[in-house]
């Protein structure tokens, strides 16, 4: 028992005598941390805090980055930008001169759904592009469209003017534009592209068809540089031909002109000019009236065809170089007479038929050769089927069922119409030993050209034709004597073809041509010059090919020969022969 003191002050329990002792409360034992366990806990807490801190810093950094960036372009804008950045390769001439290249230019677009004030937007557009201030444009800007083009390919000044207005909903995309530094001089060959940088004509179209369109379709070649494409053209020679034809058109008041320079050993087109022309930087100026006559037009070429008639007759064995033909009297086809412009009114040898350009003599040669043989050789020369080269060519016009009259008129270049490049390729075969090569606008070696060539006449026939073309130029009686160039052995043949007017051939409306080769003892190049409807240079003289296209071809050869590495030679014996013994 415990007695309680009831007095004042704190009460103290006192033990009562004889009572059992009361146990004292015992404090629970305190757990002591093990050595090192507190350190590991602190490390784990520190790592967790660091990880959370890094995550929050990354989030804050990304928010700052997004705040500084512009809003991402809608997918339709991104797709448009990708499409218009489609790259095209530079086009070079054979010496590395740039004929076509890509430049970057701005185009203006709008997102109508983001435009707040349409009238304000219209005022801005009208201030920079007055022609766009139309009800149609207001309607387009008022629509809910996500993307519309306002004006493609604008100038830096126009871009700056639009930018200063600061109208919401307008933007610029960088676009690839094709640029042709040389312009008109190579327009027909290089061709042009549309506003989406897709090839429409010429080599530009050929590049697309060959490989570039497939790359673009697969999503490649968008913005990155492509390997340049080299052509066989020599810009120096191209300029000379362009210049001489331009002068000739003015001098003889012709309505059109064309010219070609072809390497006879490779089939490479070194120059090809057609007038009137167009500037490929402005493709909207290309029309039917200034089409590429060298390939897209077919013409009755006149007396230049006599080369193929005589060569075919000699090569077939139906006619000998020593044969003679009566050119005294005209030949008649129905009620139409075949006569000679410069009639000799006598019997002519085969070389005389050629240098006097006798229609009567050539028609008689064709008759002796026969229809089947004549048509077979025209086929072999590639003059009856479409020419397949890198630029699309027209199909020649050949009688479906030739008559005896056609046999005689085709002999001197009527009743059959071919492209000028076909004619040049066939002439090259007469000059190079008899090998017909498909002409090309790309570089090609002699080995590659010969591997794909076809021999159409013998080397002996080729030598005889070289001799006759030379006689036609060096002999004062020849129709091509005004094409003579001192120091160079030029050979050639004139062609004065009457054109059809109101269903009948007109003696006063002509297509004139001169087909030349040089140096004729070892031909390297064939040159064709054509003038459409030339007039007399002055009153009292004629307007035949010998008076206009022959001297024009001579002027071209005189200027381009040194450029092509062909040096003049003098002191050649008068009695030299081009025909092997």
Protein backbone atom coordinates (compact mmCIF):
# COMPACT_ATOMS: atom_id res chain seq x y z
CA UNK A 1 0.00 0.00 0.00
CA UNK A 2 1.00 3.56 -0.56
CA UNK A 3 0.04 6.34 1.85
CA UNK A 4 -1.02 9.69 0.39
CA UNK A 5 -0.11 12.83 2.26
CA UNK A 6 -3.06 15.10 2.11
CA UNK A 7 -1.16 18.22 3.25
CA UNK A 8 -0.43 21.15 1.08
CA UNK A 9 2.21 21.00 -1.71
CA UNK A 10 2.80 18.28 -4.11
CA UNK A 11 1.63 14.97 -3.25
CA UNK A 12 4.29 12.31 -2.91
CA UNK A 13 3.53 8.69 -2.88
CA UNK A 14 5.23 7.01 -0.11
CA UNK A 15 5.62 3.32 0.24
CA UNK A 16 3.67 1.67 3.03
CA UNK A 17 5.56 -0.59 5.31
CA UNK A 18 5.23 -4.23 4.39
CA UNK A 19 3.87 -3.49 0.83
CA UNK A 20 5.41 -4.95 -2.34
CA UNK A 21 7.63 -2.50 -4.29
CA UNK A 22 6.12 -0.79 -7.39
CA UNK A 23 8.22 -1.29 -10.61
CA UNK A 24 9.53 1.78 -12.37
CA UNK A 25 8.61 2.38 -16.06
CA UNK A 26 11.36 1.48 -18.48
CA UNK A 27 11.97 3.55 -21.74
CA UNK A 28 11.85 1.52 -25.01
CA UNK A 29 15.15 0.87 -26.63
CA UNK A 30 16.21 3.46 -29.35
CA UNK A 31 17.24 1.99 -32.77
CA UNK A 32 20.64 3.23 -33.82
CA UNK A 33 21.30 3.61 -37.59
CA UNK A 34 23.85 1.32 -39.07
CA UNK A 35 27.10 2.79 -40.17
CA UNK A 36 26.89 4.12 -43.87
CA UNK A 37 23.13 3.74 -44.36
CA UNK A 38 22.42 7.48 -43.92
CA UNK A 39 24.98 8.40 -46.59
CA UNK A 40 23.30 6.17 -49.17
CA UNK A 41 19.92 7.73 -48.44
CA UNK A 42 21.26 11.21 -48.94
CA UNK A 43 22.79 10.19 -52.27
CA UNK A 44 19.51 8.72 -53.50
CA UNK A 45 17.60 11.85 -52.54
CA UNK A 46 20.19 14.05 -54.25
CA UNK A 47 20.04 12.02 -57.49
CA UNK A 48 16.25 12.14 -57.52
CA UNK A 49 16.29 15.90 -57.06
CA UNK A 50 18.90 16.31 -59.80
CA UNK A 51 16.85 14.18 -62.24
CA UNK A 52 13.70 16.19 -61.58
CA UNK A 53 15.72 19.39 -61.96
CA UNK A 54 17.10 18.29 -65.33
CA UNK A 55 13.63 17.39 -66.59
CA UNK A 56 12.24 20.76 -65.53
CA UNK A 57 15.19 22.58 -67.14
CA UNK A 58 14.64 20.71 -70.41
CA UNK A 59 10.95 21.60 -70.37
CA UNK A 60 11.72 25.23 -69.68
CA UNK A 61 14.36 25.31 -72.43
CA UNK A 62 11.98 23.79 -74.99
CA UNK A 63 9.28 26.28 -74.03
CA UNK A 64 11.72 29.14 -74.54
CA UNK A 65 12.79 27.67 -77.92
CA UNK A 66 9.19 27.30 -79.09
CA UNK A 67 8.47 30.82 -77.97
CA UNK A 68 11.27 32.18 -80.12
CA UNK A 69 10.38 30.13 -83.25
CA UNK A 70 7.76 31.10 -85.82
CA UNK A 71 4.65 28.99 -86.04
CA UNK A 72 5.27 25.88 -88.13
CA UNK A 73 4.05 26.10 -91.70
CA UNK A 74 0.90 24.14 -92.46
CA UNK A 75 1.44 20.92 -94.37
CA UNK A 76 0.07 22.41 -97.57
CA UNK A 77 2.66 25.19 -97.45
CA UNK A 78 5.44 22.69 -96.75
CA UNK A 79 4.32 20.54 -99.67
CA UNK A 80 4.27 23.53 -102.00
CA UNK A 81 7.75 24.56 -100.92
CA UNK A 82 9.05 21.04 -101.51
CA UNK A 83 7.53 20.86 -104.99
CA UNK A 84 8.81 24.20 -106.27
CA UNK A 85 12.37 23.54 -105.07
CA UNK A 86 12.74 20.70 -107.56
CA UNK A 87 16.24 21.11 -108.97
CA UNK A 88 17.35 20.88 -112.59
CA UNK A 89 20.93 20.34 -113.74
CA UNK A 90 22.88 23.12 -115.37
CA UNK A 91 23.13 22.74 -119.15
CA UNK A 92 26.56 23.50 -120.61
CA UNK A 93 27.99 23.73 -124.10
CA UNK A 94 30.90 21.49 -125.08
CA UNK A 95 33.38 24.03 -123.63
CA UNK A 96 31.64 24.41 -120.27
CA UNK A 97 29.74 27.64 -121.01
CA UNK A 98 26.45 27.80 -119.10
CA UNK A 99 23.37 27.65 -121.32
CA UNK A 100 20.78 27.05 -118.56
CA UNK A 101 20.89 27.18 -114.77
CA UNK A 102 18.66 27.41 -111.68
CA UNK A 103 18.22 30.58 -109.63
CA UNK A 104 16.22 31.12 -106.44
CA UNK A 105 13.33 33.56 -106.49
CA UNK A 106 10.43 34.41 -104.18
CA UNK A 107 6.77 33.61 -104.83
CA UNK A 108 3.86 35.13 -102.90
CA UNK A 109 1.11 32.99 -101.36
CA UNK A 110 -1.81 33.59 -99.01
CA UNK A 111 -3.69 31.61 -96.37
CA UNK A 112 -7.21 33.07 -96.65
CA UNK A 113 -8.42 31.52 -93.41
CA UNK A 114 -5.82 33.58 -91.53
CA UNK A 115 -6.64 36.90 -93.22
CA UNK A 116 -8.41 39.20 -90.76
CA UNK A 117 -9.36 42.08 -93.07
CA UNK A 118 -9.91 41.14 -96.72
CA UNK A 119 -10.29 44.76 -97.87
CA UNK A 120 -6.97 45.69 -96.29
CA UNK A 121 -5.37 42.69 -97.99
CA UNK A 122 -6.87 43.70 -101.36
CA UNK A 123 -5.51 47.24 -100.99
CA UNK A 124 -2.02 45.84 -100.36
CA UNK A 125 -2.19 43.51 -103.36
CA UNK A 126 -3.51 46.26 -105.65
CA UNK A 127 -0.71 48.60 -104.61
CA UNK A 128 1.96 46.08 -105.68
CA UNK A 129 0.14 44.10 -108.39
CA UNK A 130 -2.54 46.36 -109.95
CA UNK A 131 -3.61 43.61 -112.37
CA UNK A 132 -4.71 41.44 -109.42
CA UNK A 133 -7.26 43.96 -108.13
CA UNK A 134 -10.14 41.86 -109.42
CA UNK A 135 -13.40 40.48 -107.99
CA UNK A 136 -11.98 36.99 -108.51
CA UNK A 137 -9.03 37.74 -106.22
CA UNK A 138 -11.32 39.22 -103.56
CA UNK A 139 -13.43 36.07 -103.70
CA UNK A 140 -10.39 33.85 -103.33
CA UNK A 141 -9.10 35.84 -100.35
CA UNK A 142 -12.55 35.66 -98.72
CA UNK A 143 -12.66 31.88 -98.94
CA UNK A 144 -11.74 29.39 -96.25
CA UNK A 145 -8.86 27.96 -98.26
CA UNK A 146 -5.67 27.02 -96.50
CA UNK A 147 -3.31 28.00 -99.31
CA UNK A 148 -3.52 29.92 -102.60
CA UNK A 149 -0.88 31.35 -104.91
CA UNK A 150 -1.03 35.12 -105.33
CA UNK A 151 1.86 35.65 -107.77
CA UNK A 152 4.64 33.27 -108.75
CA UNK A 153 8.21 34.44 -109.28
CA UNK A 154 8.12 38.04 -108.09
CA UNK A 155 10.95 40.57 -108.07
CA UNK A 156 12.88 41.50 -104.91
CA UNK A 157 11.28 44.97 -105.09
CA UNK A 158 7.79 43.46 -105.14
CA UNK A 159 8.67 41.16 -102.26
CA UNK A 160 9.91 44.12 -100.19
CA UNK A 161 6.77 46.14 -100.98
CA UNK A 162 4.46 43.32 -99.84
CA UNK A 163 6.60 42.75 -96.75
CA UNK A 164 6.28 46.41 -95.72
CA UNK A 165 2.48 46.15 -95.61
CA UNK A 166 2.76 43.39 -93.00
CA UNK A 167 -0.68 41.91 -93.74
CA UNK A 168 -1.37 38.70 -91.74
CA UNK A 169 -1.99 35.63 -93.87
CA UNK A 170 0.58 36.41 -96.57
CA UNK A 171 3.90 34.64 -96.95
CA UNK A 172 6.74 33.92 -99.35
CA UNK A 173 8.16 30.66 -100.61
CA UNK A 174 11.55 30.34 -102.23
CA UNK A 175 11.09 28.94 -105.71
CA UNK A 176 13.48 27.55 -108.32
CA UNK A 177 13.40 29.49 -111.58
CA UNK A 178 15.18 28.49 -114.78
CA UNK A 179 17.50 31.11 -116.26
CA UNK A 180 19.06 31.06 -119.74
CA UNK A 181 22.08 33.40 -119.83
CA UNK A 182 22.51 33.18 -123.62
CA UNK A 183 18.82 33.63 -124.33
CA UNK A 184 17.66 33.57 -127.93
CA UNK A 185 20.79 32.16 -129.54
CA UNK A 186 20.24 28.69 -128.08
CA UNK A 187 16.53 28.86 -127.33
CA UNK A 188 15.36 26.27 -129.85
CA UNK A 189 17.96 23.67 -128.86
CA UNK A 190 17.97 24.09 -125.08
CA UNK A 191 14.20 24.51 -125.00
CA UNK A 192 12.28 25.84 -122.02
CA UNK A 193 10.41 24.92 -118.84
CA UNK A 194 7.00 25.81 -117.44
CA UNK A 195 6.38 27.77 -114.27
CA UNK A 196 6.81 24.58 -112.22
CA UNK A 197 10.29 24.07 -113.71
CA UNK A 198 9.20 21.09 -115.83
CA UNK A 199 10.77 20.70 -119.28
CA UNK A 200 8.46 21.63 -122.15
CA UNK A 201 10.68 21.47 -125.23
CA UNK A 202 14.19 20.90 -126.52
CA UNK A 203 16.90 19.41 -124.33
CA UNK A 204 14.97 20.47 -121.21
CA UNK A 205 12.18 18.11 -122.20
CA UNK A 206 14.65 15.36 -123.10
CA UNK A 207 16.28 15.59 -119.65
CA UNK A 208 12.89 15.18 -117.97
CA UNK A 209 11.87 12.26 -120.15
CA UNK A 210 15.21 10.51 -119.76
CA UNK A 211 15.66 10.60 -116.00
CA UNK A 212 14.82 13.81 -114.13
CA UNK A 213 11.03 13.39 -113.98
CA UNK A 214 11.48 9.95 -112.41
CA UNK A 215 13.79 11.37 -109.73
CA UNK A 216 11.31 14.12 -108.91
CA UNK A 217 8.45 11.62 -108.74
CA UNK A 218 10.42 9.61 -106.17
CA UNK A 219 11.07 12.72 -104.09
CA UNK A 220 14.72 13.15 -105.04
CA UNK A 221 16.55 16.10 -106.60
CA UNK A 222 14.63 18.65 -104.55
CA UNK A 223 16.92 21.51 -103.68
CA UNK A 224 20.24 19.70 -104.04
CA UNK A 225 22.72 20.41 -106.82
CA UNK A 226 22.77 17.98 -109.74
CA UNK A 227 25.59 17.01 -112.07
CA UNK A 228 25.64 19.37 -115.10
CA UNK A 229 24.56 18.14 -118.53
CA UNK A 230 26.98 18.92 -121.38
CA UNK A 231 25.82 19.34 -124.98
CA UNK A 232 27.68 18.95 -128.26
CA UNK A 233 26.92 22.59 -129.11
CA UNK A 234 29.83 25.00 -129.39
CA UNK A 235 28.51 28.38 -128.26
CA UNK A 236 31.10 30.20 -130.39
CA UNK A 237 29.98 28.43 -133.56
CA UNK A 238 26.34 28.86 -132.56
CA UNK A 239 26.87 32.61 -132.25
CA UNK A 240 28.51 32.85 -135.68
CA UNK A 241 25.66 30.97 -137.37
CA UNK A 242 23.08 33.09 -135.52
CA UNK A 243 24.85 36.30 -136.50
CA UNK A 244 25.30 35.41 -140.18
CA UNK A 245 21.71 34.21 -140.56
CA UNK A 246 20.40 37.37 -138.91
CA UNK A 247 22.41 39.49 -141.33
CA UNK A 248 21.33 37.38 -144.31
CA UNK A 249 17.65 37.66 -143.39
CA UNK A 250 17.96 41.42 -143.35
CA UNK A 251 20.10 41.62 -146.51
CA UNK A 252 17.83 39.40 -148.60
CA UNK A 253 14.55 40.28 -146.83
CA UNK A 254 13.82 36.62 -146.08
CA UNK A 255 10.91 35.64 -143.86
CA UNK A 256 12.84 32.91 -142.03
CA UNK A 257 16.22 31.19 -141.88
CA UNK A 258 17.88 28.10 -140.46
CA UNK A 259 21.39 26.71 -140.18
CA UNK A 260 23.20 23.60 -138.94
CA UNK A 261 26.83 22.64 -138.37
CA UNK A 262 27.41 18.88 -137.95
CA UNK A 263 30.58 16.91 -137.23
CA UNK A 264 30.69 14.30 -140.03
CA UNK A 265 32.77 11.82 -138.01
CA UNK A 266 30.70 11.80 -134.81
CA UNK A 267 27.26 13.05 -135.84
CA UNK A 268 27.45 15.76 -133.15
CA UNK A 269 25.37 18.88 -133.74
CA UNK A 270 27.82 21.74 -133.18
CA UNK A 271 25.35 24.51 -134.04
CA UNK A 272 21.64 24.64 -134.85
CA UNK A 273 19.87 27.96 -135.39
CA UNK A 274 16.31 28.78 -136.42
CA UNK A 275 14.91 32.24 -137.10
CA UNK A 276 12.54 33.79 -136.10
CA UNK A 277 13.50 32.79 -132.59
CA UNK A 278 12.24 33.25 -129.04
CA UNK A 279 13.75 33.93 -125.63
CA UNK A 280 13.44 30.83 -123.39
CA UNK A 281 13.39 33.19 -120.39
CA UNK A 282 9.95 34.17 -121.70
CA UNK A 283 8.42 30.87 -122.89
CA UNK A 284 5.08 32.56 -123.52
CA UNK A 285 6.70 34.10 -126.62
CA UNK A 286 7.19 30.68 -128.26
CA UNK A 287 4.65 30.23 -131.05
CA UNK A 288 4.07 28.17 -134.17
CA UNK A 289 5.58 31.02 -136.21
CA UNK A 290 8.97 30.70 -134.49
CA UNK A 291 9.08 26.90 -134.26
CA UNK A 292 12.39 25.02 -134.54
CA UNK A 293 12.63 24.67 -138.32
CA UNK A 294 15.70 22.46 -138.14
CA UNK A 295 13.63 19.60 -136.70
CA UNK A 296 9.96 20.53 -136.52
CA UNK A 297 9.55 21.63 -140.13
CA UNK A 298 9.66 19.55 -143.31
CA UNK A 299 10.59 21.14 -146.62
CA UNK A 300 11.01 20.34 -150.27
CA UNK A 301 14.73 21.07 -150.36
CA UNK A 302 15.22 21.38 -154.10
CA UNK A 303 18.49 20.72 -155.91
CA UNK A 304 20.52 19.74 -152.85
CA UNK A 305 18.69 16.42 -153.28
CA UNK A 306 20.58 15.85 -156.55
CA UNK A 307 23.55 14.75 -154.44
CA UNK A 308 21.58 11.74 -153.16
CA UNK A 309 20.12 10.89 -156.57
CA UNK A 310 23.49 10.87 -158.29
CA UNK A 311 25.22 9.07 -155.40
CA UNK A 312 22.52 6.38 -155.37
CA UNK A 313 22.78 5.87 -159.13
CA UNK A 314 26.58 5.59 -159.01
CA UNK A 315 26.63 3.33 -155.95
CA UNK A 316 24.00 1.00 -157.40
CA UNK A 317 26.02 0.57 -160.59
CA UNK A 318 23.09 1.68 -162.73
CA UNK A 319 25.02 4.80 -163.78
CA UNK A 320 28.74 5.40 -164.39
CA UNK A 321 30.67 8.61 -163.78
CA UNK A 322 31.50 8.52 -167.50
CA UNK A 323 27.87 8.41 -168.67
CA UNK A 324 26.16 11.27 -170.54
CA UNK A 325 22.56 12.43 -170.42
CA UNK A 326 20.51 14.45 -172.88
CA UNK A 327 19.58 17.84 -171.43
CA UNK A 328 18.63 19.49 -174.69
CA UNK A 329 14.87 19.24 -174.44
CA UNK A 330 12.52 19.46 -171.42
CA UNK A 331 10.94 16.36 -169.94
CA UNK A 332 7.18 16.21 -169.48
CA UNK A 333 5.21 14.76 -166.60
CA UNK A 334 1.66 14.92 -167.85
CA UNK A 335 1.30 18.50 -168.95
CA UNK A 336 4.08 19.76 -166.65
CA UNK A 337 7.51 20.40 -168.13
CA UNK A 338 10.79 19.67 -166.32
CA UNK A 339 13.31 22.24 -167.51
CA UNK A 340 16.65 23.70 -166.43
CA UNK A 341 17.04 27.12 -164.82
CA UNK A 342 20.48 27.62 -166.42
CA UNK A 343 19.96 25.33 -169.39
CA UNK A 344 23.04 24.29 -171.37
CA UNK A 345 20.85 22.82 -174.12
CA UNK A 346 23.25 19.97 -174.80
CA UNK A 347 24.28 16.52 -173.66
CA UNK A 348 25.86 16.63 -170.19
CA UNK A 349 28.25 14.34 -168.35
CA UNK A 350 27.34 13.24 -164.84
CA UNK A 351 29.65 15.84 -163.21
CA UNK A 352 28.16 18.51 -165.49
CA UNK A 353 24.65 17.50 -164.50
CA UNK A 354 25.75 18.16 -160.94
CA UNK A 355 27.64 21.46 -161.32
CA UNK A 356 25.08 22.96 -163.73
CA UNK A 357 22.30 21.64 -161.46
CA UNK A 358 20.38 20.20 -164.39
CA UNK A 359 16.86 19.09 -163.50
CA UNK A 360 16.52 17.34 -166.86
CA UNK A 361 19.77 15.42 -166.48
CA UNK A 362 19.02 14.40 -162.87
CA UNK A 363 15.52 13.22 -163.79
CA UNK A 364 16.99 11.09 -166.59
CA UNK A 365 19.51 9.61 -164.14
CA UNK A 366 16.63 8.69 -161.79
CA UNK A 367 14.72 7.03 -164.62
CA UNK A 368 17.76 4.98 -165.56
CA UNK A 369 18.25 4.01 -161.93
CA UNK A 370 14.62 2.93 -161.52
CA UNK A 371 11.93 3.45 -158.89
CA UNK A 372 12.81 0.52 -156.63
CA UNK A 373 16.49 1.44 -156.47
CA UNK A 374 15.77 5.11 -155.86
CA UNK A 375 13.33 4.42 -153.00
CA UNK A 376 15.67 1.84 -151.46
CA UNK A 377 18.50 4.39 -151.30
CA UNK A 378 16.24 7.11 -149.92
CA UNK A 379 15.36 4.63 -147.17
CA UNK A 380 19.04 3.88 -146.55
CA UNK A 381 19.83 7.60 -146.27
CA UNK A 382 17.12 7.91 -143.60
CA UNK A 383 15.09 10.35 -145.69
CA UNK A 384 11.78 8.46 -145.67
CA UNK A 385 11.32 7.85 -141.93
CA UNK A 386 11.19 10.02 -138.82
CA UNK A 387 14.57 11.04 -137.40
CA UNK A 388 14.98 9.83 -133.80
CA UNK A 389 17.24 12.13 -131.85
CA UNK A 390 17.09 13.88 -128.46
CA UNK A 391 14.69 16.57 -129.69
CA UNK A 392 11.38 15.58 -131.26
CA UNK A 393 11.43 15.70 -135.06
CA UNK A 394 8.69 15.86 -137.67
CA UNK A 395 7.95 12.91 -139.95
CA UNK A 396 9.07 13.42 -143.56
CA UNK A 397 6.45 13.68 -146.26
CA UNK A 398 6.95 10.97 -148.87
CA UNK A 399 4.50 9.82 -151.59
CA UNK A 400 2.66 6.75 -150.32
CA UNK A 401 2.47 5.30 -153.83
CA UNK A 402 5.11 7.11 -155.90
CA UNK A 403 4.50 7.44 -159.63
CA UNK A 404 6.90 7.85 -162.52
CA UNK A 405 6.36 11.59 -162.17
CA UNK A 406 7.31 11.40 -158.48
CA UNK A 407 10.42 9.43 -159.43
CA UNK A 408 11.63 12.30 -161.63
CA UNK A 409 10.65 15.21 -159.35
CA UNK A 410 12.03 13.59 -156.19
CA UNK A 411 15.34 13.33 -158.04
CA UNK A 412 15.76 17.10 -157.76
CA UNK A 413 14.10 17.63 -154.39
CA UNK A 414 10.38 18.05 -155.06
CA UNK A 415 7.49 15.74 -154.12
CA UNK A 416 9.42 14.81 -150.95
CA UNK A 417 9.79 16.97 -147.83
CA UNK A 418 12.31 16.28 -145.05
CA UNK A 419 13.66 18.06 -141.99
CA UNK A 420 16.89 20.04 -142.43
CA UNK A 421 18.71 17.88 -139.86
CA UNK A 422 17.79 14.73 -141.79
CA UNK A 423 19.28 16.29 -144.89
CA UNK A 424 22.50 17.22 -143.07
CA UNK A 425 22.89 13.71 -141.61
CA UNK A 426 22.49 12.16 -145.06
CA UNK A 427 25.02 14.59 -146.54
CA UNK A 428 27.50 13.73 -143.78
CA UNK A 429 27.27 10.08 -144.91
CA UNK A 430 28.24 11.13 -148.45
CA UNK A 431 31.25 12.99 -147.06
CA UNK A 432 32.66 10.61 -144.41
CA UNK A 433 33.12 7.47 -146.49
CA UNK A 434 29.48 6.39 -146.60
CA UNK A 435 28.57 5.99 -142.89
CA UNK A 436 25.13 7.23 -141.79
CA UNK A 437 25.08 8.32 -138.15
CA UNK A 438 22.06 9.44 -136.18
CA UNK A 439 22.78 13.06 -135.23
CA UNK A 440 23.05 13.85 -131.53
CA UNK A 441 22.98 16.97 -129.37
CA UNK A 442 25.21 15.31 -126.75
CA UNK A 443 28.99 14.71 -126.94
CA UNK A 444 29.96 11.46 -128.67
CA UNK A 445 33.30 9.95 -129.65
CA UNK A 446 34.13 8.78 -133.17
CA UNK A 447 34.34 5.21 -131.90
CA UNK A 448 30.86 5.31 -130.39
CA UNK A 449 29.44 7.00 -133.47
CA UNK A 450 30.95 4.44 -135.83
CA UNK A 451 29.73 1.57 -133.64
CA UNK A 452 26.14 2.65 -134.22
CA UNK A 453 26.53 3.74 -137.85
CA UNK A 454 25.32 2.08 -141.05
CA UNK A 455 27.25 2.17 -144.30
CA UNK A 456 24.86 3.43 -146.99
CA UNK A 457 27.27 3.98 -149.91
CA UNK A 458 30.79 2.78 -150.63
CA UNK A 459 33.93 4.73 -149.84
CA UNK A 460 34.49 5.08 -153.61
CA UNK A 461 31.06 6.68 -154.12
CA UNK A 462 31.75 9.00 -151.19
CA UNK A 463 35.05 10.09 -152.77
CA UNK A 464 33.36 10.80 -156.11
CA UNK A 465 30.71 12.94 -154.40
CA UNK A 466 33.38 14.89 -152.54
CA UNK A 467 35.09 15.58 -155.85
CA UNK A 468 31.89 16.79 -157.50
CA UNK A 469 30.92 19.08 -154.60
CA UNK A 470 34.39 20.60 -154.76
CA UNK A 471 34.07 21.16 -158.51
CA UNK A 472 30.75 22.91 -157.92
CA UNK A 473 32.50 25.49 -155.73
CA UNK A 474 35.93 25.92 -157.33
CA UNK A 475 34.68 26.01 -160.93
CA UNK A 476 33.36 29.43 -161.90
CA UNK A 477 30.60 27.67 -163.82
CA UNK A 478 29.43 25.90 -160.66
CA UNK A 479 26.32 27.07 -158.84
CA UNK A 480 28.22 27.23 -155.53
CA UNK A 481 31.27 29.27 -156.53
CA UNK A 482 30.34 32.17 -154.21
CA UNK A 483 30.90 29.84 -151.23
CA UNK A 484 34.63 29.61 -151.93
CA UNK A 485 36.81 30.45 -148.90
CA UNK A 486 40.55 31.06 -149.57
CA UNK A 487 42.69 28.50 -147.77
CA UNK A 488 39.89 26.01 -147.29
CA UNK A 489 38.67 23.34 -149.68
CA UNK A 490 34.94 23.95 -149.55
CA UNK A 491 32.55 21.70 -151.43
CA UNK A 492 28.81 22.14 -151.70
CA UNK A 493 25.53 22.05 -153.55
CA UNK A 494 22.88 24.71 -154.01
CA UNK A 495 19.15 24.20 -153.75
CA UNK A 496 16.53 26.63 -155.07
CA UNK A 497 13.14 25.04 -154.42
CA UNK A 498 9.97 26.64 -155.69
CA UNK A 499 7.29 26.84 -153.01
CA UNK A 500 3.67 25.92 -153.48
CA UNK A 501 1.39 28.98 -153.62
CA UNK A 502 -2.36 28.49 -154.11
CA UNK A 503 -1.85 24.88 -155.09
CA UNK A 504 0.86 25.45 -157.70
CA UNK A 505 4.64 25.92 -157.66
CA UNK A 506 5.64 29.58 -157.86
CA UNK A 507 8.80 30.63 -159.71
CA UNK A 508 9.07 33.79 -157.59
CA UNK A 509 8.59 32.32 -154.09
CA UNK A 510 11.45 30.04 -153.13
CA UNK A 511 13.16 28.20 -150.32
CA UNK A 512 16.91 28.46 -150.90
CA UNK A 513 19.63 26.34 -149.34
CA UNK A 514 23.31 25.57 -149.57
CA UNK A 515 24.76 22.31 -148.25
CA UNK A 516 28.54 22.47 -147.80
CA UNK A 517 31.38 20.41 -146.35
CA UNK A 518 34.96 21.37 -145.46
CA UNK A 519 37.82 20.70 -145.85
CA UNK A 520 36.63 18.54 -148.70
CA UNK A 521 39.79 16.38 -148.99
CA UNK A 522 39.23 15.25 -145.38
CA UNK A 523 35.75 16.46 -144.38
CA UNK A 524 35.23 17.38 -140.76
CA UNK A 525 32.01 19.40 -140.82
CA UNK A 526 28.86 19.78 -142.89
CA UNK A 527 27.20 23.21 -142.97
CA UNK A 528 23.61 23.90 -144.05
CA UNK A 529 22.25 27.41 -144.62
CA UNK A 530 18.57 27.99 -145.50
CA UNK A 531 16.71 31.20 -146.40
CA UNK A 532 12.94 31.20 -146.79
CA UNK A 533 11.57 33.47 -149.53
CA UNK A 534 14.69 35.63 -150.03
CA UNK A 535 14.45 38.66 -152.31
CA UNK A 536 17.10 39.98 -154.73
CA UNK A 537 19.84 41.85 -152.92
CA UNK A 538 19.48 44.69 -155.43
CA UNK A 539 17.38 45.31 -158.54
CA UNK A 540 18.44 43.57 -161.69
CA UNK A 541 19.85 40.38 -160.16
CA UNK A 542 18.20 37.11 -159.19
CA UNK A 543 17.48 35.54 -155.83
CA UNK A 544 18.70 31.98 -156.41
CA UNK A 545 20.59 29.98 -153.77
CA UNK A 546 23.92 30.59 -155.49
CA UNK A 547 23.48 34.33 -154.89
CA UNK A 548 22.43 34.29 -151.22
CA UNK A 549 22.78 31.02 -149.29
CA UNK A 550 26.12 30.10 -150.91
CA UNK A 551 27.93 33.31 -149.85
CA UNK A 552 26.28 33.12 -146.42
CA UNK A 553 27.62 29.57 -145.94
CA UNK A 554 31.06 30.75 -147.07
CA UNK A 555 30.98 33.54 -144.46
CA UNK A 556 30.04 31.05 -141.76
CA UNK A 557 32.88 28.66 -142.72
CA UNK A 558 35.44 31.47 -142.84
CA UNK A 559 34.61 32.45 -139.26
CA UNK A 560 34.13 29.05 -137.62
CA UNK A 561 37.00 27.08 -139.20
CA UNK A 562 39.71 28.62 -136.94
CA UNK A 563 37.48 28.15 -133.89
CA UNK A 564 37.21 24.46 -134.73
CA UNK A 565 40.97 24.08 -135.09
CA UNK A 566 41.03 23.85 -138.89
CA UNK A 567 43.88 25.97 -140.25
CA UNK A 568 43.91 27.40 -143.78
CA UNK A 569 46.17 25.79 -146.37
CA UNK A 570 47.57 27.41 -149.48
CA UNK A 571 49.54 26.20 -152.47
CA UNK A 572 47.36 23.13 -153.13
CA UNK A 573 48.05 21.84 -156.70
CA UNK A 574 45.35 22.56 -159.24
CA UNK A 575 45.38 18.98 -160.50
CA UNK A 576 44.85 17.28 -157.13
CA UNK A 577 42.29 14.51 -157.05
CA UNK A 578 39.98 13.40 -154.27
CA UNK A 579 39.10 10.15 -155.98
CA UNK A 580 41.35 7.19 -155.08
CA UNK A 581 43.00 5.51 -158.04
